[in-house]
Amino acid sequence: MVGIDRRRESAPSATVIGSGLGGLAAAIRLGARGYRVNLLEKLDRIGGRARVHEDQGFVFDAGPTIVTAPFLLEELWSLCGRKLSDDIDLRLMEPFYRIRFDDGETFDYSGDIDKTRREIARFSPADVAGYDRYMAASEAIYRVGFEQLAHVPFDSWTDMLRIVPEMLRLKSYRSVYQMVSKYVRDERLRIVLSFHPLLIGGNPFAATSIYSLISFLERNHGVYSAVGGTGSIVEGMAALARSQGADIRLDCEVDRIEIENGRAVGARLKSGEVVRSDIVVSNADSAWTYRHLIPAVARKNWSDRRLQRAKYSNGLFLWYFGTDRRYEDVAHHSILLGPRYRGLLDDIFRHQRLAPDFSLYLHRPTATDPSVAPAGCDTFYVLSPVPNLDGNVDWPTVAEDYRQSIERHLERTLLPGLGKAVVCSSVRTPVDFERDLCAYRGAGFSLQPLLTQSAYFRPHNRSEDIAGLYFVGAGTHPGAGIPGVLSSAKVLDSVIPHANQYN
């Protein structure tokens, strides 16, 4: 590569905590700006929520599987003089999602406008025109919320005041569900068009309508899956970072961020080793970072009280399983809605209780990529939104019963004979998210995407309390999801000086 030799002793150094997609993107962007990067990962493999595990020849993506806004990945490859297509094979999904209602009726949510209009007409011909108006509104929000604001910092009140007129014009105080309901009357279609906040840890009845931009983002840029799984993207990003000279260290759990004279100067590991650096970027959960890696005396804005009062996303129950047969009729991405919708979301987000019913996201990557399972087999994972650890669910006791309930439901609906077909199985609960991923309260997506927890009101990308400390990932601006965490790393270009400008 042409440019600064990043191994020179005179180049400023950066410590990146966590190797999730946000941390890897940060390492790449910092490397491109001339920093010597040390990336510290607690676990024995890279990826954070996007890590991969294997079992008997089945390959499981642990978390994110829906790839949107691929141009954000293309930017990272371009910074290293490569093309995304050199290393990653992205396949466009068709349909994006297959949504199954509890009565067995299905809706194929597609990027093809005409196909989607025909699907809407099957349910409610009168709502086709409303759908078109909704997508026009979604595009208007996208042009502001994503194109103009997703990659810029919100350091001060003036940054927030600058966008208030646009937020009022776009009625960002409404929820996503309220916005959809303005244009569409059929209740099933309202659910189909408003479920997207659940993909980033939000309740569609509470998440700000800013997140309606996801509808246009998907239609305009597509929904993809990577051959080899999201893990192939993780490995590709790690290779880019290493090509710039980054040192990626596994089994390196950070005990605290070292602070001297109000400035972050490195990280102390559980082993006692201190890794010193000029700046620190935390891809660890922002609430966890403030609560557990920084002493209370060093925090003015993010006190324990403020962290405790914040509203956190739902937890996740994940069941990974492989079958000794294939289910050819099952789509790559399926959403199975239960008998209740709003009531179930109230149980999860408001009452923090584990309900006997559920709605599920079923991921079948072998629909697109048979290589992630042995020949003639299918790889699956199923995700059930559940309360985070504020719900006081005794997961070690109830997890297996809950898994069996999901198995029986899948067997009755999409996967006949499932009980006898399963050959490998494992589960993850909010307890695992807290223990393995340092997710505060076991929340799957950090803070909820509420208006009062967006932009300036989220933990800032540049710490308000500690100089030289920066954040990327789901818990900072702009939020969760692959586009969100990749954009959070792009914000660093605005708040961290180039290495040759560093003082």
Protein backbone atom coordinates (compact mmCIF):
# COMPACT_ATOMS: atom_id res chain seq x y z
CA MET A 1 0.00 0.00 0.00
CA VAL A 2 1.11 3.57 -0.67
CA GLY A 3 1.27 6.00 2.25
CA ILE A 4 2.43 6.18 5.84
CA ASP A 5 4.34 3.21 7.24
CA ARG A 6 2.03 2.35 10.10
CA ARG A 7 4.75 0.41 11.93
CA ARG A 8 6.88 3.53 12.48
CA GLU A 9 7.40 4.23 16.15
CA SER A 10 6.48 7.88 15.57
CA ALA A 11 2.96 7.05 14.31
CA PRO A 12 0.23 7.54 16.94
CA SER A 13 -1.35 4.37 18.33
CA ALA A 14 -4.93 3.31 18.89
CA THR A 15 -6.39 0.62 21.10
CA VAL A 16 -9.68 -0.83 19.82
CA ILE A 17 -11.68 -2.83 22.38
CA GLY A 18 -13.78 -5.53 20.74
CA SER A 19 -13.70 -7.13 17.30
CA GLY A 20 -17.35 -6.83 16.30
CA LEU A 21 -18.18 -5.31 12.93
CA GLY A 22 -17.90 -1.83 14.45
CA GLY A 23 -14.50 -2.54 15.99
CA LEU A 24 -13.13 -4.07 12.80
CA ALA A 25 -14.45 -1.15 10.74
CA ALA A 26 -12.84 1.26 13.21
CA ALA A 27 -9.52 -0.57 12.97
CA ILE A 28 -9.61 -0.32 9.17
CA ARG A 29 -10.50 3.38 9.17
CA LEU A 30 -7.85 4.17 11.77
CA GLY A 31 -5.26 2.20 9.82
CA ALA A 32 -6.14 4.19 6.71
CA ARG A 33 -5.62 7.40 8.71
CA GLY A 34 -2.11 6.36 9.73
CA TYR A 35 -2.61 4.87 13.22
CA ARG A 36 -0.90 1.81 14.61
CA VAL A 37 -3.83 -0.31 15.82
CA ASN A 38 -4.02 -2.88 18.59
CA LEU A 39 -7.38 -4.65 18.55
CA LEU A 40 -8.23 -6.52 21.76
CA GLU A 41 -10.88 -9.25 21.73
CA LYS A 42 -12.17 -10.92 24.89
CA LEU A 43 -13.22 -14.18 23.20
CA ASP A 44 -11.16 -16.81 21.41
CA ARG A 45 -12.53 -15.77 18.02
CA ILE A 46 -13.22 -12.51 16.24
CA GLY A 47 -16.59 -11.06 15.37
CA GLY A 48 -18.38 -10.21 18.62
CA ARG A 49 -22.08 -10.63 17.95
CA ALA A 50 -21.11 -11.56 14.38
CA ARG A 51 -18.79 -14.42 15.35
CA VAL A 52 -19.16 -17.90 13.87
CA HIS A 53 -19.23 -21.35 15.42
CA GLU A 54 -19.24 -24.80 13.88
CA ASP A 55 -20.74 -28.09 14.99
CA GLN A 56 -20.51 -31.39 13.11
CA GLY A 57 -19.95 -29.66 9.80
CA PHE A 58 -22.73 -27.08 10.30
CA VAL A 59 -21.62 -23.43 10.23
CA PHE A 60 -23.64 -20.97 12.30
CA ASP A 61 -23.56 -17.19 12.19
CA ALA A 62 -24.05 -16.20 15.81
CA GLY A 63 -25.97 -12.99 15.18
CA PRO A 64 -26.41 -10.56 12.27
CA THR A 65 -27.45 -12.27 9.05
CA ILE A 66 -29.26 -9.51 7.14
CA VAL A 67 -26.76 -7.51 5.07
CA THR A 68 -27.97 -4.13 3.82
CA ALA A 69 -26.19 -0.97 2.61
CA PRO A 70 -23.31 -2.96 1.03
CA PHE A 71 -21.73 0.30 -0.12
CA LEU A 72 -20.54 0.81 3.47
CA LEU A 73 -18.53 -2.40 3.18
CA GLU A 74 -17.30 -1.37 -0.26
CA GLU A 75 -15.89 1.82 1.29
CA LEU A 76 -13.79 -0.22 3.73
CA TRP A 77 -12.36 -2.39 0.97
CA SER A 78 -11.64 0.71 -1.11
CA LEU A 79 -9.62 2.22 1.75
CA CYS A 80 -7.30 -0.78 1.43
CA GLY A 81 -7.03 -0.64 -2.34
CA ARG A 82 -9.35 -3.60 -2.92
CA LYS A 83 -12.87 -4.32 -4.09
CA LEU A 84 -15.46 -5.98 -1.88
CA SER A 85 -16.17 -8.46 -4.65
CA ASP A 86 -12.51 -9.56 -4.54
CA ASP A 87 -13.20 -11.29 -1.24
CA ILE A 88 -16.96 -11.41 -0.54
CA ASP A 89 -19.73 -12.97 -2.61
CA LEU A 90 -22.98 -11.17 -1.73
CA ARG A 91 -26.22 -12.71 -2.97
CA LEU A 92 -29.39 -10.64 -3.34
CA MET A 93 -32.32 -12.15 -1.45
CA GLU A 94 -35.61 -12.77 -3.25
CA PRO A 95 -37.82 -12.39 -1.36
CA PHE A 96 -36.14 -10.25 1.28
CA TYR A 97 -38.34 -11.90 3.92
CA ARG A 98 -41.25 -14.33 3.94
CA ILE A 99 -43.66 -13.30 6.68
CA ARG A 100 -46.02 -15.96 7.99
CA PHE A 101 -49.08 -14.98 9.99
CA ASP A 102 -50.39 -17.24 12.72
CA ASP A 103 -53.27 -18.41 10.49
CA GLY A 104 -50.79 -19.70 7.90
CA GLU A 105 -51.17 -16.84 5.40
CA THR A 106 -47.83 -15.60 4.04
CA PHE A 107 -46.53 -12.34 2.59
CA ASP A 108 -43.37 -12.23 0.47
CA TYR A 109 -41.62 -8.91 1.19
CA SER A 110 -39.60 -8.19 -1.93
CA GLY A 111 -37.30 -5.58 -3.40
CA ASP A 112 -39.30 -5.85 -6.60
CA ILE A 113 -41.84 -3.02 -6.39
CA ASP A 114 -44.39 -4.68 -8.63
CA LYS A 115 -44.20 -7.96 -6.73
CA THR A 116 -44.71 -6.16 -3.44
CA ARG A 117 -47.66 -4.22 -4.81
CA ARG A 118 -49.25 -7.49 -5.94
CA GLU A 119 -48.74 -8.96 -2.49
CA ILE A 120 -50.35 -5.92 -0.90
CA ALA A 121 -53.27 -6.15 -3.31
CA ARG A 122 -53.87 -9.76 -2.23
CA PHE A 123 -54.48 -8.51 1.31
CA SER A 124 -56.03 -5.10 0.66
CA PRO A 125 -56.26 -3.61 -2.85
CA ALA A 126 -57.20 -0.24 -1.36
CA ASP A 127 -53.79 -0.05 0.38
CA VAL A 128 -51.59 -0.25 -2.73
CA ALA A 129 -51.68 3.52 -3.22
CA GLY A 130 -51.04 4.00 0.49
CA TYR A 131 -47.98 1.77 0.24
CA ASP A 132 -46.58 3.96 -2.53
CA ARG A 133 -47.13 7.07 -0.41
CA TYR A 134 -45.50 5.38 2.58
CA MET A 135 -42.41 4.49 0.52
CA ALA A 136 -42.17 8.11 -0.65
CA ALA A 137 -42.23 9.20 3.00
CA SER A 138 -39.62 6.55 3.87
CA GLU A 139 -37.38 7.88 1.11
CA ALA A 140 -37.71 11.44 2.42
CA ILE A 141 -36.61 10.27 5.87
CA TYR A 142 -33.77 8.23 4.36
CA ARG A 143 -32.43 11.26 2.50
CA VAL A 144 -32.08 13.12 5.79
CA GLY A 145 -31.69 10.45 8.48
CA PHE A 146 -29.26 8.21 6.65
CA GLU A 147 -27.59 10.14 3.86
CA GLN A 148 -27.07 13.35 5.85
CA LEU A 149 -26.92 12.32 9.51
CA ALA A 150 -25.88 8.68 10.00
CA HIS A 151 -22.15 9.33 9.58
CA VAL A 152 -21.84 12.71 11.34
CA PRO A 153 -21.17 13.27 15.06
CA PHE A 154 -23.62 14.81 17.52
CA ASP A 155 -21.25 16.31 20.06
CA SER A 156 -23.27 19.31 21.17
CA TRP A 157 -26.76 20.72 21.58
CA THR A 158 -26.15 22.89 18.53
CA ASP A 159 -25.66 19.76 16.42
CA MET A 160 -29.06 18.55 17.60
CA LEU A 161 -30.78 21.92 17.22
CA ARG A 162 -29.59 22.07 13.64
CA ILE A 163 -31.75 19.06 12.69
CA VAL A 164 -34.83 19.82 14.80
CA PRO A 165 -36.69 21.57 11.94
CA GLU A 166 -36.17 18.55 9.69
CA MET A 167 -37.20 16.16 12.46
CA LEU A 168 -40.40 18.13 13.01
CA ARG A 169 -41.09 18.29 9.28
CA LEU A 170 -40.69 14.52 9.02
CA LYS A 171 -42.72 13.99 12.22
CA SER A 172 -39.98 11.99 13.92
CA TYR A 173 -41.95 12.13 17.17
CA ARG A 174 -44.28 9.48 15.77
CA SER A 175 -43.53 5.79 16.12
CA VAL A 176 -42.80 3.62 13.10
CA TYR A 177 -46.16 1.89 13.54
CA GLN A 178 -47.97 5.24 13.71
CA MET A 179 -46.29 6.39 10.54
CA VAL A 180 -47.20 3.24 8.63
CA SER A 181 -50.77 3.44 9.93
CA LYS A 182 -51.14 6.90 8.43
CA TYR A 183 -50.84 5.37 4.96
CA VAL A 184 -52.09 1.77 5.29
CA ARG A 185 -55.32 0.54 6.89
CA ASP A 186 -55.08 -3.26 6.81
CA GLU A 187 -53.69 -4.39 10.17
CA ARG A 188 -51.65 -7.23 8.70
CA LEU A 189 -50.00 -4.84 6.25
CA ARG A 190 -49.31 -2.39 9.04
CA ILE A 191 -47.38 -5.17 10.78
CA VAL A 192 -45.52 -6.14 7.59
CA LEU A 193 -44.39 -2.57 6.95
CA SER A 194 -43.52 -1.68 10.55
CA PHE A 195 -41.62 -4.69 11.93
CA HIS A 196 -38.15 -3.39 10.98
CA PRO A 197 -37.29 -1.82 14.38
CA LEU A 198 -37.30 -5.34 15.82
CA LEU A 199 -34.20 -5.99 13.70
CA ILE A 200 -32.33 -3.34 15.72
CA GLY A 201 -33.82 -3.88 19.17
CA GLY A 202 -36.79 -1.54 19.01
CA ASN A 203 -40.51 -1.81 19.59
CA PRO A 204 -42.34 -0.69 16.41
CA PHE A 205 -44.96 0.96 18.64
CA ALA A 206 -42.32 3.10 20.37
CA ALA A 207 -39.28 3.41 18.07
CA THR A 208 -39.02 6.81 16.41
CA SER A 209 -40.26 6.93 12.84
CA ILE A 210 -36.73 7.95 11.80
CA TYR A 211 -36.23 4.19 11.50
CA SER A 212 -38.87 4.01 8.79
CA LEU A 213 -35.93 4.85 6.55
CA ILE A 214 -35.03 1.13 6.66
CA SER A 215 -37.88 0.38 4.25
CA PHE A 216 -36.41 2.60 1.55
CA LEU A 217 -32.82 1.60 2.38
CA GLU A 218 -33.71 -2.03 1.70
CA ARG A 219 -35.69 -1.34 -1.47
CA ASN A 220 -33.05 1.00 -2.88
CA HIS A 221 -29.93 -1.00 -2.02
CA GLY A 222 -31.22 -4.54 -1.49
CA VAL A 223 -31.05 -7.21 1.20
CA TYR A 224 -28.13 -9.61 0.85
CA SER A 225 -26.55 -12.69 2.31
CA ALA A 226 -22.85 -13.48 2.11
CA VAL A 227 -21.69 -16.84 0.81
CA GLY A 228 -19.97 -18.47 3.75
CA GLY A 229 -22.17 -16.47 6.10
CA THR A 230 -21.63 -13.13 7.80
CA GLY A 231 -18.50 -14.72 9.22
CA SER A 232 -16.90 -14.39 5.78
CA ILE A 233 -17.37 -10.61 6.06
CA VAL A 234 -15.78 -10.66 9.52
CA GLU A 235 -12.78 -12.61 8.25
CA GLY A 236 -12.47 -10.31 5.25
CA MET A 237 -12.48 -7.21 7.44
CA ALA A 238 -9.90 -8.73 9.78
CA ALA A 239 -7.66 -9.46 6.79
CA LEU A 240 -7.97 -5.83 5.68
CA ALA A 241 -7.01 -4.58 9.14
CA ARG A 242 -4.01 -6.90 9.31
CA SER A 243 -2.89 -5.77 5.84
CA GLN A 244 -2.57 -2.27 7.33
CA GLY A 245 -0.45 -3.57 10.20
CA ALA A 246 -3.15 -3.99 12.87
CA ASP A 247 -2.36 -6.45 15.67
CA ILE A 248 -5.51 -8.45 16.50
CA ARG A 249 -5.21 -10.22 19.85
CA LEU A 250 -7.67 -12.84 21.05
CA ASP A 251 -8.36 -13.95 24.64
CA CYS A 252 -7.57 -10.42 25.81
CA GLU A 253 -10.34 -9.26 28.11
CA VAL A 254 -10.09 -5.62 29.13
CA ASP A 255 -10.46 -4.96 32.85
CA ARG A 256 -10.49 -1.17 32.64
CA ILE A 257 -9.61 1.76 30.44
CA GLU A 258 -6.51 3.54 31.70
CA ILE A 259 -7.16 7.23 32.35
CA GLU A 260 -4.55 9.86 33.19
CA ASN A 261 -5.41 13.51 33.73
CA GLY A 262 -8.86 12.97 32.27
CA ARG A 263 -7.56 11.30 29.11
CA ALA A 264 -7.75 7.68 27.93
CA VAL A 265 -4.20 6.36 27.51
CA GLY A 266 -4.76 2.65 26.98
CA ALA A 267 -6.35 -0.44 28.47
CA ARG A 268 -5.51 -2.76 31.33
CA LEU A 269 -6.23 -6.43 30.67
CA LYS A 270 -7.56 -8.97 33.15
CA SER A 271 -4.07 -10.48 33.06
CA GLY A 272 -2.65 -7.24 34.46
CA GLU A 273 -0.93 -6.23 31.23
CA VAL A 274 -1.37 -2.59 30.23
CA VAL A 275 -1.63 -1.77 26.54
CA ARG A 276 -0.84 1.93 26.21
CA SER A 277 -1.97 4.06 23.28
CA ASP A 278 -2.71 7.61 22.24
CA ILE A 279 -6.43 6.99 21.82
CA VAL A 280 -8.94 4.27 22.77
CA VAL A 281 -11.96 3.18 20.73
CA SER A 282 -14.50 0.98 22.48
CA ASN A 283 -16.61 -1.38 20.41
CA ALA A 284 -17.77 -2.91 23.67
CA ASP A 285 -21.33 -2.05 24.65
CA SER A 286 -21.33 1.65 25.53
CA ALA A 287 -23.32 1.20 28.74
CA TRP A 288 -21.05 -1.66 29.80
CA THR A 289 -17.96 0.40 28.99
CA TYR A 290 -19.10 3.33 31.11
CA ARG A 291 -20.41 1.15 33.93
CA HIS A 292 -17.60 -1.41 34.20
CA LEU A 293 -14.48 -0.13 32.44
CA ILE A 294 -14.46 3.47 33.67
CA PRO A 295 -14.56 4.52 37.36
CA ALA A 296 -17.61 6.54 38.44
CA VAL A 297 -15.43 9.48 39.47
CA ALA A 298 -14.36 9.91 35.84
CA ARG A 299 -17.95 10.07 34.57
CA LYS A 300 -20.13 13.18 34.72
CA ASN A 301 -22.58 12.63 31.88
CA TRP A 302 -23.00 8.87 32.10
CA SER A 303 -23.44 8.30 35.80
CA ASP A 304 -24.63 4.97 37.20
CA ARG A 305 -28.03 6.55 37.78
CA ARG A 306 -28.38 7.69 34.16
CA LEU A 307 -27.27 4.30 32.85
CA GLN A 308 -29.76 2.53 35.08
CA ARG A 309 -32.64 4.77 33.99
CA ALA A 310 -31.97 4.37 30.27
CA LYS A 311 -34.23 2.04 28.28
CA TYR A 312 -32.49 -0.99 26.83
CA SER A 313 -33.42 -3.21 23.94
CA ASN A 314 -35.01 -6.62 24.25
CA GLY A 315 -33.01 -9.72 24.94
CA LEU A 316 -32.60 -12.57 22.48
CA PHE A 317 -33.17 -16.29 22.72
CA LEU A 318 -31.28 -18.05 19.94
CA TRP A 319 -31.49 -21.70 19.02
CA TYR A 320 -28.90 -22.97 16.53
CA PHE A 321 -29.63 -26.34 14.98
CA GLY A 322 -28.75 -28.54 12.03
CA THR A 323 -31.01 -31.10 10.39
CA ASP A 324 -30.20 -34.30 8.53
CA ARG A 325 -32.69 -33.35 5.83
CA ARG A 326 -33.44 -30.27 3.73
CA TYR A 327 -36.56 -28.12 3.87
CA GLU A 328 -36.56 -26.80 0.32
CA ASP A 329 -39.76 -24.74 0.67
CA VAL A 330 -38.41 -22.61 3.52
CA ALA A 331 -37.04 -19.18 2.55
CA HIS A 332 -33.64 -17.83 3.56
CA HIS A 333 -35.27 -15.29 5.90
CA SER A 334 -38.64 -16.14 7.47
CA ILE A 335 -40.62 -14.25 10.08
CA LEU A 336 -43.25 -16.26 11.92
CA LEU A 337 -45.77 -14.06 13.70
CA GLY A 338 -47.56 -15.46 16.74
CA PRO A 339 -51.21 -15.11 17.76
CA ARG A 340 -50.52 -11.73 19.37
CA TYR A 341 -48.42 -8.83 18.15
CA ARG A 342 -48.82 -5.70 20.22
CA GLY A 343 -49.57 -7.71 23.37
CA LEU A 344 -46.42 -9.77 22.96
CA LEU A 345 -44.31 -6.65 22.41
CA ASP A 346 -45.84 -5.11 25.54
CA ASP A 347 -44.84 -8.22 27.49
CA ILE A 348 -41.27 -7.96 26.19
CA PHE A 349 -40.62 -4.22 26.31
CA ARG A 350 -43.02 -2.85 28.97
CA HIS A 351 -43.73 -5.67 31.41
CA GLN A 352 -40.39 -7.49 31.04
CA ARG A 353 -42.01 -10.91 31.27
CA LEU A 354 -41.51 -14.08 29.27
CA ALA A 355 -44.76 -14.86 27.46
CA PRO A 356 -45.93 -18.39 26.60
CA ASP A 357 -46.32 -17.37 22.93
CA PHE A 358 -43.71 -15.88 20.62
CA SER A 359 -42.90 -14.43 17.23
CA LEU A 360 -39.79 -15.80 15.53
CA TYR A 361 -37.15 -15.01 12.94
CA LEU A 362 -35.97 -18.20 11.20
CA HIS A 363 -32.68 -18.11 9.31
CA ARG A 364 -31.98 -20.86 6.75
CA PRO A 365 -28.69 -19.89 5.05
CA THR A 366 -28.56 -23.19 3.17
CA ALA A 367 -31.39 -21.86 1.00
CA THR A 368 -28.69 -19.76 -0.67
CA ASP A 369 -25.41 -21.37 0.36
CA PRO A 370 -25.40 -25.19 0.81
CA SER A 371 -21.72 -25.06 1.83
CA VAL A 372 -22.62 -24.15 5.43
CA ALA A 373 -24.04 -27.62 6.09
CA PRO A 374 -23.10 -31.21 5.21
CA ALA A 375 -24.53 -32.54 1.95
CA GLY A 376 -28.27 -33.09 2.10
CA CYS A 377 -28.61 -31.13 5.36
CA ASP A 378 -29.86 -27.71 6.46
CA THR A 379 -28.37 -25.15 8.84
CA PHE A 380 -30.81 -23.03 10.85
CA TYR A 381 -31.03 -20.59 13.64
CA VAL A 382 -34.21 -19.26 15.14
CA LEU A 383 -34.39 -16.02 17.11
CA SER A 384 -37.09 -15.16 19.61
CA PRO A 385 -37.24 -11.64 21.09
CA VAL A 386 -37.50 -11.95 24.87
CA PRO A 387 -37.12 -9.62 27.87
CA ASN A 388 -33.61 -8.51 28.74
CA LEU A 389 -32.24 -9.36 32.18
CA ASP A 390 -34.47 -6.78 33.84
CA GLY A 391 -37.14 -9.45 33.41
CA ASN A 392 -35.57 -11.72 36.04
CA VAL A 393 -36.17 -14.83 33.93
CA ASP A 394 -34.35 -17.85 35.35
CA TRP A 395 -32.84 -18.83 32.02
CA PRO A 396 -30.76 -21.81 33.23
CA THR A 397 -34.03 -23.35 34.44
CA VAL A 398 -36.43 -22.42 31.64
CA ALA A 399 -34.22 -22.37 28.52
CA GLU A 400 -34.73 -25.99 27.51
CA ASP A 401 -38.51 -25.89 28.00
CA TYR A 402 -38.62 -22.69 25.95
CA ARG A 403 -36.51 -24.27 23.21
CA GLN A 404 -38.82 -27.28 23.10
CA SER A 405 -41.84 -25.00 22.76
CA ILE A 406 -40.19 -23.33 19.77
CA GLU A 407 -39.30 -26.70 18.27
CA ARG A 408 -42.90 -27.89 18.54
CA HIS A 409 -44.15 -24.67 16.96
CA LEU A 410 -41.73 -24.95 14.04
CA GLU A 411 -42.68 -28.59 13.57
CA ARG A 412 -46.37 -27.64 13.36
CA THR A 413 -45.77 -24.80 10.91
CA LEU A 414 -42.72 -24.80 8.60
CA LEU A 415 -40.53 -27.76 9.55
CA PRO A 416 -42.49 -31.04 9.73
CA GLY A 417 -40.64 -33.87 11.43
CA LEU A 418 -38.17 -31.44 12.97
CA GLY A 419 -37.82 -33.27 16.29
CA LYS A 420 -36.40 -36.37 14.58
CA ALA A 421 -34.35 -34.39 12.04
CA VAL A 422 -32.23 -32.34 14.48
CA VAL A 423 -28.65 -33.65 14.69
CA CYS A 424 -26.95 -30.76 16.51
CA SER A 425 -28.31 -28.09 18.80
CA SER A 426 -27.24 -25.23 21.05
CA VAL A 427 -28.91 -22.19 22.57
CA ARG A 428 -27.95 -18.68 23.68
CA THR A 429 -29.93 -16.54 26.15
CA PRO A 430 -29.57 -13.00 27.52
CA VAL A 431 -27.35 -14.50 30.21
CA ASP A 432 -24.86 -15.52 27.51
CA PHE A 433 -25.04 -12.05 25.95
CA GLU A 434 -24.08 -10.49 29.27
CA ARG A 435 -21.35 -13.01 30.12
CA ASP A 436 -19.74 -13.48 26.70
CA LEU A 437 -20.42 -10.15 24.98
CA CYS A 438 -20.54 -7.78 27.97
CA ALA A 439 -24.01 -6.69 26.91
CA TYR A 440 -25.40 -4.48 29.67
CA ARG A 441 -28.52 -6.18 31.12
CA GLY A 442 -28.15 -8.86 28.46
CA ALA A 443 -29.74 -6.53 25.90
CA GLY A 444 -29.24 -7.79 22.37
CA PHE A 445 -28.92 -4.34 20.74
CA SER A 446 -27.84 -1.99 23.57
CA LEU A 447 -30.12 1.08 24.01
CA GLN A 448 -33.57 1.11 22.42
CA PRO A 449 -33.95 3.29 19.28
CA LEU A 450 -36.26 5.85 20.91
CA LEU A 451 -36.32 9.50 19.90
CA THR A 452 -35.02 10.42 23.36
CA GLN A 453 -32.14 7.96 22.89
CA SER A 454 -31.12 8.89 19.35
CA ALA A 455 -28.40 11.14 17.90
CA TYR A 456 -27.25 13.59 20.62
CA PHE A 457 -29.13 11.63 23.29
CA ARG A 458 -27.14 8.40 22.76
CA PRO A 459 -23.63 7.98 24.17
CA HIS A 460 -21.55 10.10 21.82
CA ASN A 461 -19.02 8.70 19.37
CA ARG A 462 -16.53 11.03 21.04
CA SER A 463 -16.89 10.55 24.79
CA GLU A 464 -18.42 13.49 26.61
CA ASP A 465 -16.47 12.64 29.76
CA ILE A 466 -13.01 11.44 28.76
CA ALA A 467 -10.66 12.90 26.17
CA GLY A 468 -9.19 10.42 23.72
CA LEU A 469 -12.04 7.91 24.19
CA TYR A 470 -14.34 7.07 21.30
CA PHE A 471 -17.23 4.68 20.71
CA VAL A 472 -18.42 2.54 17.83
CA GLY A 473 -21.12 -0.12 17.69
CA ALA A 474 -24.78 -0.48 18.51
CA GLY A 475 -24.70 1.63 21.68
CA THR A 476 -23.60 4.87 20.09
CA HIS A 477 -24.80 7.00 17.15
CA PRO A 478 -26.45 6.03 14.82
CA GLY A 479 -27.43 2.68 16.41
CA ALA A 480 -27.69 -1.06 15.88
CA GLY A 481 -27.75 -3.16 12.72
CA ILE A 482 -24.94 -3.66 10.22
CA PRO A 483 -25.43 -0.24 8.54
CA GLY A 484 -25.58 1.43 11.95
CA VAL A 485 -22.38 -0.03 13.38
CA LEU A 486 -20.46 0.50 10.12
CA SER A 487 -21.66 4.12 10.04
CA SER A 488 -20.56 4.60 13.66
CA ALA A 489 -17.01 3.80 12.56
CA LYS A 490 -17.32 6.25 9.69
CA VAL A 491 -18.12 8.98 12.25
CA LEU A 492 -14.57 8.53 13.56
CA ASP A 493 -13.24 10.19 10.40
CA SER A 494 -14.90 13.40 11.62
CA VAL A 495 -13.80 13.29 15.27
CA ILE A 496 -10.34 11.66 15.23
CA PRO A 497 -7.56 13.61 13.50
CA HIS A 498 -5.44 12.05 10.78
CA ALA A 499 -2.21 10.62 12.17
CA ASN A 500 -0.11 13.34 10.58
CA GLN A 501 -2.27 15.96 12.34
CA TYR A 502 -2.12 14.28 15.74
CA ASN A 503 -0.75 16.34 18.62
